[in-house]
Amino acid sequence: MYRPVDSVSGGNPTFQLGMMGTVSFETAIRFIRFLPRRIPRKIGNAIFHMRHGRPNAPDGFDARTGLDTAANLPVYKLDAVSRNYIHSMGYQPLPEDVFRALIAEVPVDPREFTFVDLGCGKGKPLFLASEMGFKKIIGIELSPTLAAIATQNLAKWNRPSPPITILCCDVVAFRWPKEPLVVFMHNPFGRAVMAQVMESLHAAWPADSMRVWIAYYSPALAPYMQSLPWLSPCPSQTGKIYRCVQ
């Protein structure tokens, strides 16, 4: 199922950016605007990969499934439904084995949990989560272009699957379902957005009823996450895993 931004933002007006060509003047301007934010992110990612190794790609997922998830897209070439695009990252797929290793480290029964991907891109983690047995799956994507590709991939997905919903919206506007969640992030956005997302996640749950885990790959904002008293770090050899506590 694919829903546009109106379905989760109450019909509020959205800011639409167009898809740019690779050599356009507008693309160059956007690249310059992103540059001050890209440098520290690149450094943080490089440090993480030096410690944990850099994932190998491609991994054969597209050949195995017939989907389109492999090609990278830099953030300054993407459209968006919110001005928060300035805090977002480009699209880079995570290899299947890395994703499976990280999610396997979350100590829950996936049949009892809804999987939520913040920044689902072309949808690869959604389909892998489907194969891993989650009860329900939700992907949130800021870029209409990437959300459309994910929707096309969903139409091609011919395996037995739980319900998969793709929302094209600003993650800050997402209304958290009151059910057990595994929240996945592959370094999707900067601290300005992360702070709002964590605040809304924490506020969405009444005391003593929160059953939420966060699986965070390439965790550029790990120091910020560790500063939140309601997140409890858990062992992981692949990325960062946190259990949400009240």
Protein backbone atom coordinates (compact mmCIF):
# COMPACT_ATOMS: atom_id res chain seq x y z
CA MET A 1 0.00 0.00 0.00
CA TYR A 2 1.26 3.48 -0.89
CA ARG A 3 -0.03 6.64 0.73
CA PRO A 4 0.99 10.21 -0.07
CA VAL A 5 1.94 12.75 2.57
CA ASP A 6 -1.70 13.87 3.15
CA SER A 7 -2.54 10.56 4.77
CA VAL A 8 -0.26 11.16 7.73
CA SER A 9 -0.09 14.93 8.00
CA GLY A 10 -3.78 15.70 8.11
CA GLY A 11 -3.76 17.28 4.67
CA ASN A 12 -1.32 20.02 5.60
CA PRO A 13 0.36 21.82 2.67
CA THR A 14 3.67 20.30 1.63
CA PHE A 15 6.79 21.74 0.06
CA GLN A 16 7.55 19.93 -3.19
CA LEU A 17 11.00 19.94 -4.76
CA GLY A 18 11.55 18.81 -8.32
CA MET A 19 13.94 16.15 -9.57
CA MET A 20 17.05 17.81 -10.97
CA GLY A 21 19.45 16.85 -13.72
CA THR A 22 22.98 15.84 -12.85
CA VAL A 23 24.59 19.00 -14.23
CA SER A 24 21.90 21.62 -13.60
CA PHE A 25 22.63 24.90 -11.85
CA GLU A 26 20.02 24.09 -9.20
CA THR A 27 21.75 20.78 -8.45
CA ALA A 28 25.04 22.58 -7.98
CA ILE A 29 23.44 25.07 -5.58
CA ARG A 30 21.84 22.28 -3.59
CA PHE A 31 25.17 20.46 -3.42
CA ILE A 32 26.82 23.60 -1.99
CA ARG A 33 24.03 23.94 0.59
CA PHE A 34 24.51 20.35 1.69
CA LEU A 35 28.32 20.52 1.79
CA PRO A 36 28.76 21.89 5.35
CA ARG A 37 26.54 19.08 6.67
CA ARG A 38 28.00 16.37 4.45
CA ILE A 39 31.58 16.75 5.66
CA PRO A 40 31.00 15.83 9.35
CA ARG A 41 28.60 13.06 8.28
CA LYS A 42 31.21 11.61 5.93
CA ILE A 43 33.82 11.72 8.69
CA GLY A 44 31.47 10.01 11.14
CA ASN A 45 30.59 7.31 8.61
CA ALA A 46 34.27 6.74 7.78
CA ILE A 47 35.11 6.24 11.47
CA PHE A 48 32.22 3.79 11.88
CA HIS A 49 33.28 1.76 8.83
CA MET A 50 36.92 1.73 9.97
CA ARG A 51 35.75 0.09 13.20
CA HIS A 52 33.09 -2.22 11.80
CA GLY A 53 34.10 -2.74 8.19
CA ARG A 54 32.45 -1.41 5.07
CA PRO A 55 29.55 -3.47 3.65
CA ASN A 56 30.08 -5.03 0.27
CA ALA A 57 27.61 -4.25 -2.53
CA PRO A 58 25.96 -5.32 -4.70
CA ASP A 59 24.80 -8.47 -2.93
CA GLY A 60 22.57 -10.15 -5.51
CA PHE A 61 19.30 -9.12 -3.84
CA ASP A 62 17.89 -7.52 -6.99
CA ALA A 63 18.87 -10.49 -9.11
CA ARG A 64 17.20 -12.82 -6.61
CA THR A 65 13.97 -10.84 -6.33
CA GLY A 66 13.64 -8.92 -9.62
CA LEU A 67 13.41 -5.60 -7.73
CA ASP A 68 15.20 -2.29 -8.27
CA THR A 69 17.13 -1.30 -5.12
CA ALA A 70 20.84 -1.23 -5.98
CA ALA A 71 21.74 2.15 -7.51
CA ASN A 72 22.89 4.91 -5.15
CA LEU A 73 21.36 8.41 -5.33
CA PRO A 74 23.02 11.43 -3.68
CA VAL A 75 20.70 13.54 -1.57
CA TYR A 76 21.10 16.73 -3.59
CA LYS A 77 19.61 14.98 -6.64
CA LEU A 78 16.44 13.92 -4.83
CA ASP A 79 13.07 15.61 -4.43
CA ALA A 80 11.31 15.92 -1.06
CA VAL A 81 7.98 16.74 0.58
CA SER A 82 9.46 18.91 3.35
CA ARG A 83 12.13 21.53 3.92
CA ASN A 84 13.72 19.01 6.28
CA TYR A 85 15.39 17.61 3.16
CA ILE A 86 18.42 19.72 4.12
CA HIS A 87 18.96 17.34 7.07
CA SER A 88 18.47 14.16 5.06
CA MET A 89 20.95 11.73 3.52
CA GLY A 90 21.16 10.26 0.05
CA TYR A 91 20.10 6.75 -0.87
CA GLN A 92 22.58 3.92 -0.38
CA PRO A 93 21.26 0.37 -0.04
CA LEU A 94 22.40 -1.80 2.84
CA PRO A 95 23.63 -5.29 1.88
CA GLU A 96 21.24 -8.08 2.75
CA ASP A 97 23.63 -9.93 5.05
CA VAL A 98 24.37 -6.79 7.08
CA PHE A 99 20.68 -5.99 7.51
CA ARG A 100 19.85 -9.55 8.54
CA ALA A 101 22.74 -9.62 11.03
CA LEU A 102 21.63 -6.36 12.66
CA ILE A 103 17.95 -7.28 12.95
CA ALA A 104 18.84 -10.75 14.24
CA GLU A 105 20.59 -9.03 17.15
CA VAL A 106 17.32 -7.45 18.30
CA PRO A 107 16.12 -9.93 20.99
CA VAL A 108 12.44 -10.11 20.05
CA ASP A 109 10.10 -12.44 18.19
CA PRO A 110 9.41 -10.55 14.93
CA ARG A 111 5.97 -12.18 14.67
CA GLU A 112 4.89 -9.97 17.60
CA PHE A 113 6.35 -6.70 16.28
CA THR A 114 5.71 -4.11 13.59
CA PHE A 115 8.82 -3.11 11.64
CA VAL A 116 9.18 0.62 10.89
CA ASP A 117 11.91 1.87 8.53
CA LEU A 118 12.66 5.60 8.87
CA GLY A 119 13.93 6.56 5.43
CA CYS A 120 13.04 3.39 3.54
CA GLY A 121 14.45 4.52 0.18
CA LYS A 122 13.60 2.02 -2.52
CA GLY A 123 12.19 -0.41 0.02
CA LYS A 124 14.88 -3.09 0.36
CA PRO A 125 14.70 -3.31 4.20
CA LEU A 126 10.91 -3.62 3.99
CA PHE A 127 11.12 -6.74 1.85
CA LEU A 128 13.91 -8.25 3.93
CA ALA A 129 11.87 -7.60 7.08
CA SER A 130 8.97 -9.36 5.37
CA GLU A 131 11.14 -12.42 4.84
CA MET A 132 12.24 -12.28 8.49
CA GLY A 133 8.65 -12.69 9.68
CA PHE A 134 7.53 -9.34 11.08
CA LYS A 135 3.81 -8.97 11.80
CA LYS A 136 3.42 -5.70 9.89
CA ILE A 137 5.79 -3.41 7.99
CA ILE A 138 5.82 0.38 7.52
CA GLY A 139 8.28 2.36 5.40
CA ILE A 140 8.56 6.16 5.63
CA GLU A 141 10.30 8.10 2.85
CA LEU A 142 10.79 11.83 2.36
CA SER A 143 11.50 11.65 -1.39
CA PRO A 144 8.51 11.03 -3.71
CA THR A 145 10.92 9.64 -6.30
CA LEU A 146 12.26 6.99 -3.91
CA ALA A 147 8.79 6.28 -2.49
CA ALA A 148 7.50 5.71 -6.03
CA ILE A 149 10.32 3.23 -6.74
CA ALA A 150 9.57 1.45 -3.46
CA THR A 151 5.90 1.27 -4.47
CA GLN A 152 6.83 -0.18 -7.85
CA ASN A 153 8.98 -2.75 -6.07
CA LEU A 154 6.08 -3.59 -3.77
CA ALA A 155 3.89 -4.25 -6.81
CA LYS A 156 6.53 -6.74 -8.04
CA TRP A 157 6.95 -8.43 -4.66
CA ASN A 158 5.35 -11.83 -5.19
CA ARG A 159 6.34 -13.62 -1.99
CA PRO A 160 4.08 -14.38 0.97
CA SER A 161 4.16 -11.20 3.02
CA PRO A 162 2.56 -9.37 5.94
CA PRO A 163 0.92 -5.99 5.20
CA ILE A 164 3.49 -3.49 3.85
CA THR A 165 2.67 0.24 3.87
CA ILE A 166 4.84 2.92 2.24
CA LEU A 167 4.28 6.49 3.45
CA CYS A 168 5.71 9.44 1.54
CA CYS A 169 6.01 12.07 4.25
CA ASP A 170 8.30 13.91 6.60
CA VAL A 171 9.16 11.47 9.37
CA VAL A 172 8.54 14.24 11.91
CA ALA A 173 4.83 14.08 10.97
CA PHE A 174 4.60 10.30 11.41
CA ARG A 175 2.04 9.09 13.93
CA TRP A 176 3.54 6.21 15.84
CA PRO A 177 1.32 3.13 16.11
CA LYS A 178 0.65 2.03 19.68
CA GLU A 179 1.99 -1.49 19.23
CA PRO A 180 5.31 -3.28 19.71
CA LEU A 181 7.83 -1.80 17.28
CA VAL A 182 11.27 -2.45 15.85
CA VAL A 183 12.43 0.88 14.39
CA PHE A 184 15.19 0.62 11.79
CA MET A 185 17.44 3.47 10.67
CA HIS A 186 20.32 3.46 8.18
CA ASN A 187 21.75 6.89 9.05
CA PRO A 188 18.74 8.63 7.45
CA PHE A 189 18.98 12.21 8.76
CA GLY A 190 20.87 14.68 10.93
CA ARG A 191 20.45 15.62 14.57
CA ALA A 192 17.82 18.34 14.03
CA VAL A 193 15.38 15.76 12.68
CA MET A 194 16.55 12.92 14.94
CA ALA A 195 15.79 15.00 18.04
CA GLN A 196 12.21 15.61 16.87
CA VAL A 197 11.73 11.96 15.94
CA MET A 198 12.99 10.70 19.31
CA GLU A 199 10.84 13.23 21.16
CA SER A 200 7.70 12.18 19.29
CA LEU A 201 8.48 8.47 19.78
CA HIS A 202 8.96 8.92 23.51
CA ALA A 203 5.85 11.09 23.88
CA ALA A 204 3.67 8.63 21.95
CA TRP A 205 3.80 5.97 24.65
CA PRO A 206 2.28 6.07 28.15
CA ALA A 207 4.51 5.17 31.08
CA ASP A 208 5.41 1.49 31.60
CA SER A 209 3.88 0.32 28.31
CA MET A 210 6.65 0.99 25.79
CA ARG A 211 7.75 -2.05 23.77
CA VAL A 212 10.05 -0.43 21.24
CA TRP A 213 13.51 -1.36 19.99
CA ILE A 214 15.72 0.71 17.70
CA ALA A 215 18.19 -0.87 15.26
CA TYR A 216 20.56 1.82 13.95
CA TYR A 217 23.16 1.13 11.25
CA SER A 218 26.02 3.52 10.47
CA PRO A 219 25.02 5.40 13.65
CA ALA A 220 26.47 8.86 13.09
CA LEU A 221 24.37 10.19 15.97
CA ALA A 222 25.22 7.46 18.49
CA PRO A 223 26.55 10.01 21.05
CA TYR A 224 23.23 11.86 20.95
CA MET A 225 21.24 8.63 21.26
CA GLN A 226 23.34 7.58 24.25
CA SER A 227 22.52 10.86 25.96
CA LEU A 228 18.80 10.02 26.07
CA PRO A 229 18.02 8.50 29.48
CA TRP A 230 15.09 6.47 28.16
CA LEU A 231 17.24 4.56 25.63
CA SER A 232 19.10 1.53 26.96
CA PRO A 233 22.01 0.34 24.73
CA CYS A 234 22.13 -3.39 23.96
CA PRO A 235 24.98 -5.54 22.61
CA SER A 236 25.50 -5.44 18.84
CA GLN A 237 28.38 -6.38 16.57
CA THR A 238 26.76 -4.79 13.52
CA GLY A 239 25.49 -1.34 14.51
CA LYS A 240 23.68 0.09 17.53
CA ILE A 241 20.63 -1.39 19.22
CA TYR A 242 18.59 0.40 21.85
CA ARG A 243 15.69 -0.70 23.99
CA CYS A 244 13.25 2.06 24.81
CA VAL A 245 12.42 2.30 28.50
CA GLN A 246 10.31 4.75 30.53
